Amino acid sequence: MGAGRPRRGVPRWLVAGPGFFLGAGLTTYFGIGGMTAWATGNNVDGAGWFLAVVLPAYTLWGLGLLVATSSYVSQTKPECPLNAPAPHG
């Protein structure tokens, strides 16, 4: 940043929105859709070892994003003004 400019934080939704969207998308597509298709044998072409590695990996990546985003949201939540200590003066 330039000298003399106030430092501004990043809005929470700018980080949390894509984190939740991508985490839910990866988990849903690979975790639910991919594993269901693989388990039932529907519309899945490819080597079995490849699918056994890729589907759980992307599912865990999605779950990790969801956990990390949830943690970020809870850690950056502003304090409730009702719980703030009374000013001394």
Foldseek 3Di string as FASTA:
>chain_A
DDPPDDDDDDDLCVLLVVLLVQLVVLQCCLVVVVVVCVVVVHPDDDDPVVNVPPSVVSNVVSVVSVVVSVVSCVVPPDDDPVPDDDDDD
